[in-house]
């Protein structure tokens, strides 16, 4: 795979925003027996994944290798995370020569949490290499650990397109990798949430930085496999028809979705999550101030709300029309044209 394609913009035609969960959810991941490729494959948008296994001595040992001064130790740690050589090496520039060397992480993070149905804590390692974010999930197995999934995505040089994590997009790990909370039959559980951004462009060329689509994907562990339960277009921003327009103050169309799991979905007649959509127009002052999402989203208006239920057999959220809901719960809370902000997000 061409490294520029991973780090730069991708040719990806995003679906138009539609009403309801069917228009929002992305296609399901491949069956488990077909998912263990030793190479990265597209998961969705600018997110690539691999589900082959790799043995770890421990997550702490992988982290120590990442920050080792020894190139071989650092390269081995990156390989354990799932990185290919094209990800692990970067161009070095000296006074009299240029060469390729093993990349040094710009920042890294190790988190422990039980993903899915509870039990022993699993490990999530996230690392930023230049404009690339790598994420690996490992589970304890006997007295060692086993990597069960790895992800990589390009991180825009202009930062993230959402305001949580940092105000100016200076925290790629914090805005790409998150731990979400949900309820399973009344018990609090956790899941991995990944957010990635697609810009309009051709190959590695980016046409615009203030037009983009942000995608959100949720993952849980079931039977030792990390499975994607839902993916949707989280935020879309479009400010002009072509990428060559002169940047001046102009109006931008904003679409936003929130995925809101809650604790009522433990009976067959109740939904387990909401997908709420809002839209509106915000004024952008152009290049200098393109990512002020808090200011833009305060004027969004409710567009739609869909109820979802988790399918215990497919391990995915599906559209669902509940015959009953507790008073004041569900989509009834968002009708009437008010701004579509759930009382809590994840």
Protein backbone atom coordinates (compact mmCIF):
# COMPACT_ATOMS: atom_id res chain seq x y z
CA UNK A 1 0.00 0.00 0.00
CA UNK A 2 1.28 3.44 -0.88
CA UNK A 3 2.16 5.27 2.35
CA UNK A 4 0.92 8.56 0.89
CA UNK A 5 -2.52 7.05 0.50
CA UNK A 6 -2.60 6.12 4.18
CA UNK A 7 -1.38 9.48 5.45
CA UNK A 8 -3.01 11.74 2.89
CA UNK A 9 -6.56 11.99 1.60
CA UNK A 10 -8.37 8.96 0.24
CA UNK A 11 -10.73 8.66 -2.69
CA UNK A 12 -13.84 7.70 -0.77
CA UNK A 13 -17.34 8.65 -1.87
CA UNK A 14 -19.36 8.97 1.32
CA UNK A 15 -23.05 8.16 1.29
CA UNK A 16 -25.47 11.06 1.57
CA UNK A 17 -26.99 11.60 4.97
CA UNK A 18 -30.41 10.01 5.18
CA UNK A 19 -33.12 9.66 7.75
CA UNK A 20 -32.95 6.58 9.94
CA UNK A 21 -30.41 4.05 11.08
CA UNK A 22 -30.38 2.09 7.84
CA UNK A 23 -28.85 5.07 6.04
CA UNK A 24 -26.32 5.65 8.79
CA UNK A 25 -24.89 2.22 9.51
CA UNK A 26 -21.97 1.01 7.42
CA UNK A 27 -21.65 -2.51 6.04
CA UNK A 28 -20.92 -5.32 8.44
CA UNK A 29 -17.40 -6.65 8.96
CA UNK A 30 -16.41 -9.88 7.26
CA UNK A 31 -17.04 -13.20 8.91
CA UNK A 32 -14.49 -14.19 11.54
CA UNK A 33 -12.93 -17.01 9.53
CA UNK A 34 -12.28 -14.56 6.67
CA UNK A 35 -10.94 -11.66 8.75
CA UNK A 36 -7.45 -12.82 9.76
CA UNK A 37 -5.42 -11.30 6.97
CA UNK A 38 -1.75 -10.51 7.75
CA UNK A 39 -2.19 -7.28 5.80
CA UNK A 40 -4.29 -4.23 6.56
CA UNK A 41 -7.64 -4.05 4.80
CA UNK A 42 -10.10 -1.18 4.68
CA UNK A 43 -12.48 -1.24 7.63
CA UNK A 44 -14.28 1.94 6.57
CA UNK A 45 -13.28 5.33 5.22
CA UNK A 46 -9.73 6.20 6.31
CA UNK A 47 -9.57 3.34 8.83
CA UNK A 48 -7.65 0.14 8.04
CA UNK A 49 -7.67 -3.04 10.13
CA UNK A 50 -6.08 -6.45 10.49
CA UNK A 51 -7.34 -9.28 12.70
CA UNK A 52 -4.50 -11.79 12.62
CA UNK A 53 -3.02 -12.77 15.97
CA UNK A 54 0.33 -11.93 17.54
CA UNK A 55 1.75 -13.02 20.91
CA UNK A 56 2.89 -10.36 23.38
CA UNK A 57 4.98 -10.85 26.48
CA UNK A 58 2.98 -8.01 28.04
CA UNK A 59 1.54 -4.62 27.03
CA UNK A 60 4.15 -2.94 29.23
CA UNK A 61 6.93 -4.70 27.30
CA UNK A 62 5.48 -3.43 24.01
CA UNK A 63 5.37 0.11 25.39
CA UNK A 64 8.98 -0.17 26.59
CA UNK A 65 10.02 -1.29 23.11
CA UNK A 66 8.22 1.64 21.49
CA UNK A 67 10.34 4.10 23.45
CA UNK A 68 13.61 2.20 23.29
CA UNK A 69 16.69 3.94 21.91
CA UNK A 70 17.47 0.72 20.04
CA UNK A 71 16.08 0.71 16.50
CA UNK A 72 15.59 -3.07 16.41
CA UNK A 73 13.64 -3.04 19.69
CA UNK A 74 11.49 -0.16 18.48
CA UNK A 75 10.83 -1.86 15.14
CA UNK A 76 9.89 -5.11 16.87
CA UNK A 77 7.41 -3.27 19.10
CA UNK A 78 5.82 -1.58 16.08
CA UNK A 79 5.51 -4.95 14.35
CA UNK A 80 3.84 -6.37 17.46
CA UNK A 81 1.31 -3.54 17.24
CA UNK A 82 0.60 -4.63 13.67
CA UNK A 83 2.55 -1.94 11.82
CA UNK A 84 4.08 -2.83 8.46
CA UNK A 85 7.57 -1.68 7.47
CA UNK A 86 6.04 1.08 5.36
CA UNK A 87 4.42 2.39 8.54
CA UNK A 88 7.41 1.90 10.82
CA UNK A 89 10.08 3.64 8.73
CA UNK A 90 10.32 7.36 8.04
CA UNK A 91 12.63 9.53 5.98
CA UNK A 92 15.53 11.06 7.90
CA UNK A 93 17.31 14.16 6.66
CA UNK A 94 20.89 15.06 7.52
CA UNK A 95 23.29 17.74 6.45
CA UNK A 96 25.03 15.56 3.89
CA UNK A 97 22.64 12.63 3.35
CA UNK A 98 19.06 11.38 3.51
CA UNK A 99 18.13 7.93 4.76
CA UNK A 100 15.27 5.84 6.14
CA UNK A 101 15.12 5.04 9.84
CA UNK A 102 12.73 3.50 12.36
CA UNK A 103 10.24 6.12 13.45
CA UNK A 104 10.08 7.46 16.99
CA UNK A 105 6.55 7.69 18.44
CA UNK A 106 5.33 11.25 18.84
CA UNK A 107 3.00 10.14 21.62
CA UNK A 108 1.60 6.87 22.94
CA UNK A 109 -0.95 5.56 25.39
CA UNK A 110 -1.74 2.28 27.17
CA UNK A 111 -5.19 1.73 28.63
CA UNK A 112 -6.71 -1.24 30.39
CA UNK A 113 -10.45 -1.95 30.23
CA UNK A 114 -12.71 -4.96 29.74
CA UNK A 115 -14.15 -4.57 26.24
CA UNK A 116 -17.56 -6.15 25.86
CA UNK A 117 -19.08 -8.59 28.33
CA UNK A 118 -16.79 -7.91 31.26
CA UNK A 119 -14.18 -10.23 32.75
CA UNK A 120 -10.39 -9.68 32.74
CA UNK A 121 -9.19 -6.31 31.53
CA UNK A 122 -7.96 -6.06 27.96
CA UNK A 123 -5.18 -3.77 26.74
CA UNK A 124 -5.45 -0.96 24.19
CA UNK A 125 -2.20 0.54 22.90
CA UNK A 126 -2.39 3.68 20.75
CA UNK A 127 0.59 5.43 19.20
CA UNK A 128 1.09 8.37 16.85
CA UNK A 129 3.83 8.13 14.22
CA UNK A 130 4.05 11.37 12.26
CA UNK A 131 0.60 11.67 10.65
CA UNK A 132 -0.30 8.03 11.34
CA UNK A 133 -2.24 6.66 14.32
CA UNK A 134 -1.85 2.97 15.22
CA UNK A 135 -4.18 1.17 17.64
CA UNK A 136 -3.84 -2.42 18.87
CA UNK A 137 -6.11 -4.48 21.13
CA UNK A 138 -4.68 -7.41 23.11
CA UNK A 139 -6.32 -9.87 25.49
CA UNK A 140 -4.75 -11.88 28.33
CA UNK A 141 -4.17 -15.51 27.38
CA UNK A 142 -2.73 -17.93 29.93
CA UNK A 143 0.33 -16.10 31.28
CA UNK A 144 0.95 -13.96 28.19
CA UNK A 145 -1.07 -11.68 25.93
CA UNK A 146 -2.40 -11.96 22.39
CA UNK A 147 -3.11 -9.15 19.95
CA UNK A 148 -6.54 -9.73 18.42
CA UNK A 149 -6.90 -6.59 16.29
CA UNK A 150 -4.88 -3.68 14.93
CA UNK A 151 -5.96 -0.46 13.24
CA UNK A 152 -4.27 2.43 11.48
CA UNK A 153 -5.56 5.68 10.08
CA UNK A 154 -4.15 8.88 8.67
CA UNK A 155 -4.15 11.87 11.01
CA UNK A 156 -4.64 15.16 9.21
CA UNK A 157 -1.88 17.70 9.59
CA UNK A 158 -4.65 20.20 10.32
CA UNK A 159 -5.94 18.26 13.31
CA UNK A 160 -9.18 16.57 14.16
CA UNK A 161 -12.61 17.74 13.16
CA UNK A 162 -14.19 17.55 16.59
CA UNK A 163 -13.65 19.66 19.65
CA UNK A 164 -13.45 17.07 22.41
CA UNK A 165 -9.89 16.12 23.33
CA UNK A 166 -8.36 19.45 22.37
CA UNK A 167 -9.53 22.81 21.11
CA UNK A 168 -7.15 23.03 18.18
CA UNK A 169 -6.82 19.42 17.02
CA UNK A 170 -3.46 18.97 18.73
CA UNK A 171 -4.32 15.61 20.32
CA UNK A 172 -4.71 12.99 17.57
CA UNK A 173 -4.81 10.08 20.02
CA UNK A 174 -7.42 11.71 22.23
CA UNK A 175 -9.69 12.45 19.29
CA UNK A 176 -9.15 9.19 17.37
CA UNK A 177 -9.33 6.66 20.22
CA UNK A 178 -11.96 6.67 22.94
CA UNK A 179 -13.52 4.25 25.43
CA UNK A 180 -17.31 4.27 25.28
CA UNK A 181 -19.76 3.11 27.92
CA UNK A 182 -22.89 1.03 27.39
CA UNK A 183 -25.22 -1.17 29.41
CA UNK A 184 -25.84 -4.88 28.95
CA UNK A 185 -28.85 -6.18 30.86
CA UNK A 186 -28.38 -3.51 33.45
CA UNK A 187 -24.59 -3.91 33.85
CA UNK A 188 -22.17 -1.20 32.78
CA UNK A 189 -19.75 -2.33 30.05
CA UNK A 190 -17.15 -0.67 27.82
CA UNK A 191 -16.30 -0.59 24.13
CA UNK A 192 -13.63 0.79 21.82
CA UNK A 193 -14.67 3.85 19.79
CA UNK A 194 -12.58 5.02 16.81
CA UNK A 195 -13.16 8.25 14.87
CA UNK A 196 -11.59 8.99 11.49
CA UNK A 197 -11.92 11.80 8.96
CA UNK A 198 -12.18 11.79 5.17
CA UNK A 199 -11.42 14.89 3.15
CA UNK A 200 -12.43 15.42 -0.48
CA UNK A 201 -9.44 14.80 -2.68
CA UNK A 202 -7.78 12.69 -5.31
CA UNK A 203 -5.08 10.29 -4.17
CA UNK A 204 -2.76 12.09 -1.77
CA UNK A 205 -3.99 15.52 -2.84
CA UNK A 206 -6.36 17.25 -0.44
CA UNK A 207 -8.79 19.69 -2.08
CA UNK A 208 -10.06 21.41 1.06
CA UNK A 209 -9.57 21.30 4.81
CA UNK A 210 -12.92 22.74 5.82
CA UNK A 211 -14.98 20.15 3.92
CA UNK A 212 -14.91 16.69 5.48
CA UNK A 213 -16.85 13.69 6.72
CA UNK A 214 -16.04 12.22 10.14
CA UNK A 215 -16.86 8.56 10.76
CA UNK A 216 -17.35 6.82 14.08
CA UNK A 217 -17.06 3.06 14.66
CA UNK A 218 -17.73 1.02 17.82
CA UNK A 219 -16.05 -2.30 18.66
CA UNK A 220 -16.65 -4.94 21.36
CA UNK A 221 -15.04 -8.27 22.22
CA UNK A 222 -17.17 -11.39 21.88
CA UNK A 223 -15.70 -14.88 22.10
CA UNK A 224 -12.18 -13.53 21.81
CA UNK A 225 -12.95 -11.62 18.59
CA UNK A 226 -13.14 -7.84 18.31
CA UNK A 227 -16.31 -7.11 16.35
CA UNK A 228 -17.69 -3.87 14.96
CA UNK A 229 -21.17 -3.29 16.35
CA UNK A 230 -22.04 -0.08 14.49
CA UNK A 231 -20.44 2.55 12.27
CA UNK A 232 -21.96 5.79 11.00
CA UNK A 233 -21.16 9.22 9.64
CA UNK A 234 -20.72 11.27 12.78
CA UNK A 235 -20.25 14.72 11.26
CA UNK A 236 -20.35 16.16 7.76
CA UNK A 237 -19.30 19.68 6.80
CA UNK A 238 -19.61 21.13 3.31
CA UNK A 239 -18.83 24.77 2.56
CA UNK A 240 -18.62 24.99 -1.23
CA UNK A 241 -19.08 23.01 -4.44
CA UNK A 242 -15.47 22.78 -5.55
CA UNK A 243 -12.12 22.73 -3.82
CA UNK A 244 -10.63 25.64 -5.72
CA UNK A 245 -12.90 28.43 -4.50
CA UNK A 246 -11.28 31.43 -2.88
CA UNK A 247 -11.67 31.15 0.91
CA UNK A 248 -13.82 33.93 2.25
CA UNK A 249 -16.55 34.07 4.85
CA UNK A 250 -19.18 31.61 3.63
CA UNK A 251 -22.00 29.38 4.85
CA UNK A 252 -21.34 25.73 5.61
CA UNK A 253 -23.89 22.93 5.78
CA UNK A 254 -23.45 20.84 8.91
CA UNK A 255 -24.87 17.37 9.61
CA UNK A 256 -24.23 15.73 12.97
CA UNK A 257 -25.16 12.36 14.50
CA UNK A 258 -24.96 11.13 18.09
CA UNK A 259 -25.03 7.47 19.08
CA UNK A 260 -26.66 7.20 22.49
CA UNK A 261 -26.73 3.75 24.16
CA UNK A 262 -28.70 3.46 27.36
CA UNK A 263 -29.71 0.92 29.96
CA UNK A 264 -33.27 0.04 28.98
CA UNK A 265 -32.48 -2.43 26.20
CA UNK A 266 -32.34 -5.61 28.26
CA UNK A 267 -35.81 -6.92 27.35
CA UNK A 268 -37.02 -8.08 23.94
CA UNK A 269 -39.53 -5.21 23.73
CA UNK A 270 -37.15 -2.32 24.44
CA UNK A 271 -34.62 -0.54 22.27
CA UNK A 272 -30.99 -0.39 23.36
CA UNK A 273 -29.73 2.76 21.64
CA UNK A 274 -30.72 5.91 19.81
CA UNK A 275 -29.18 7.48 16.73
CA UNK A 276 -30.06 11.17 16.72
CA UNK A 277 -29.41 13.43 13.75
CA UNK A 278 -29.31 17.22 13.50
CA UNK A 279 -28.49 19.64 10.71
CA UNK A 280 -28.00 23.33 10.15
CA UNK A 281 -26.00 26.08 8.50
CA UNK A 282 -23.01 27.76 10.11
CA UNK A 283 -20.88 30.63 8.91
CA UNK A 284 -17.21 29.85 8.41
CA UNK A 285 -14.58 32.61 8.35
CA UNK A 286 -12.36 30.42 6.16
CA UNK A 287 -8.88 29.03 6.62
CA UNK A 288 -8.05 30.63 9.94
CA UNK A 289 -10.99 29.24 11.88
CA UNK A 290 -12.38 26.13 10.18
CA UNK A 291 -12.84 23.71 13.07
CA UNK A 292 -14.85 25.50 15.75
CA UNK A 293 -17.42 22.75 16.09
CA UNK A 294 -18.85 23.92 19.41
CA UNK A 295 -19.84 27.24 17.86
CA UNK A 296 -21.24 25.55 14.77
CA UNK A 297 -23.28 22.92 16.56
CA UNK A 298 -25.13 25.27 18.91
CA UNK A 299 -27.49 26.23 16.06
CA UNK A 300 -28.20 22.74 14.74
CA UNK A 301 -31.81 21.64 14.64
CA UNK A 302 -33.29 18.20 15.15
CA UNK A 303 -33.77 16.20 11.96
CA UNK A 304 -34.42 12.57 12.88
CA UNK A 305 -34.15 9.98 15.61
CA UNK A 306 -33.93 6.20 15.17
CA UNK A 307 -34.25 3.46 17.76
CA UNK A 308 -31.80 0.55 17.57
CA UNK A 309 -31.50 -2.80 19.25
CA UNK A 310 -28.43 -4.97 19.70
CA UNK A 311 -28.66 -8.37 18.01
CA UNK A 312 -27.03 -10.98 20.27
CA UNK A 313 -26.47 -13.33 17.32
CA UNK A 314 -24.90 -10.95 14.80
CA UNK A 315 -23.38 -8.67 17.50
CA UNK A 316 -24.57 -5.59 15.65
CA UNK A 317 -27.08 -2.82 16.19
CA UNK A 318 -30.12 -3.02 13.94
CA UNK A 319 -33.14 -0.74 13.34
CA UNK A 320 -35.90 -1.56 15.81
CA UNK A 321 -39.38 -0.23 16.53
CA UNK A 322 -40.11 -0.84 20.21
CA UNK A 323 -43.69 -1.50 21.28
CA UNK A 324 -42.95 0.10 24.64
CA UNK A 325 -40.54 2.63 26.12
CA UNK A 326 -40.24 4.06 29.62
CA UNK A 327 -41.96 7.43 29.96
CA UNK A 328 -39.76 10.24 28.69
CA UNK A 329 -37.21 7.89 27.11
CA UNK A 330 -36.40 7.20 23.49
CA UNK A 331 -36.90 9.49 20.53
CA UNK A 332 -39.78 11.29 22.21
CA UNK A 333 -37.17 13.34 24.05
CA UNK A 334 -35.98 14.93 20.79
CA UNK A 335 -39.14 15.93 18.94
CA UNK A 336 -40.27 19.53 18.65
CA UNK A 337 -37.39 21.07 16.73
CA UNK A 338 -35.04 21.55 19.66
CA UNK A 339 -31.27 21.15 19.25
CA UNK A 340 -30.60 17.41 19.07
CA UNK A 341 -28.14 17.00 21.91
CA UNK A 342 -28.65 13.83 23.95
CA UNK A 343 -28.43 14.35 27.71
CA UNK A 344 -25.26 12.23 27.65
CA UNK A 345 -23.12 10.96 24.80
CA UNK A 346 -21.57 7.54 25.41
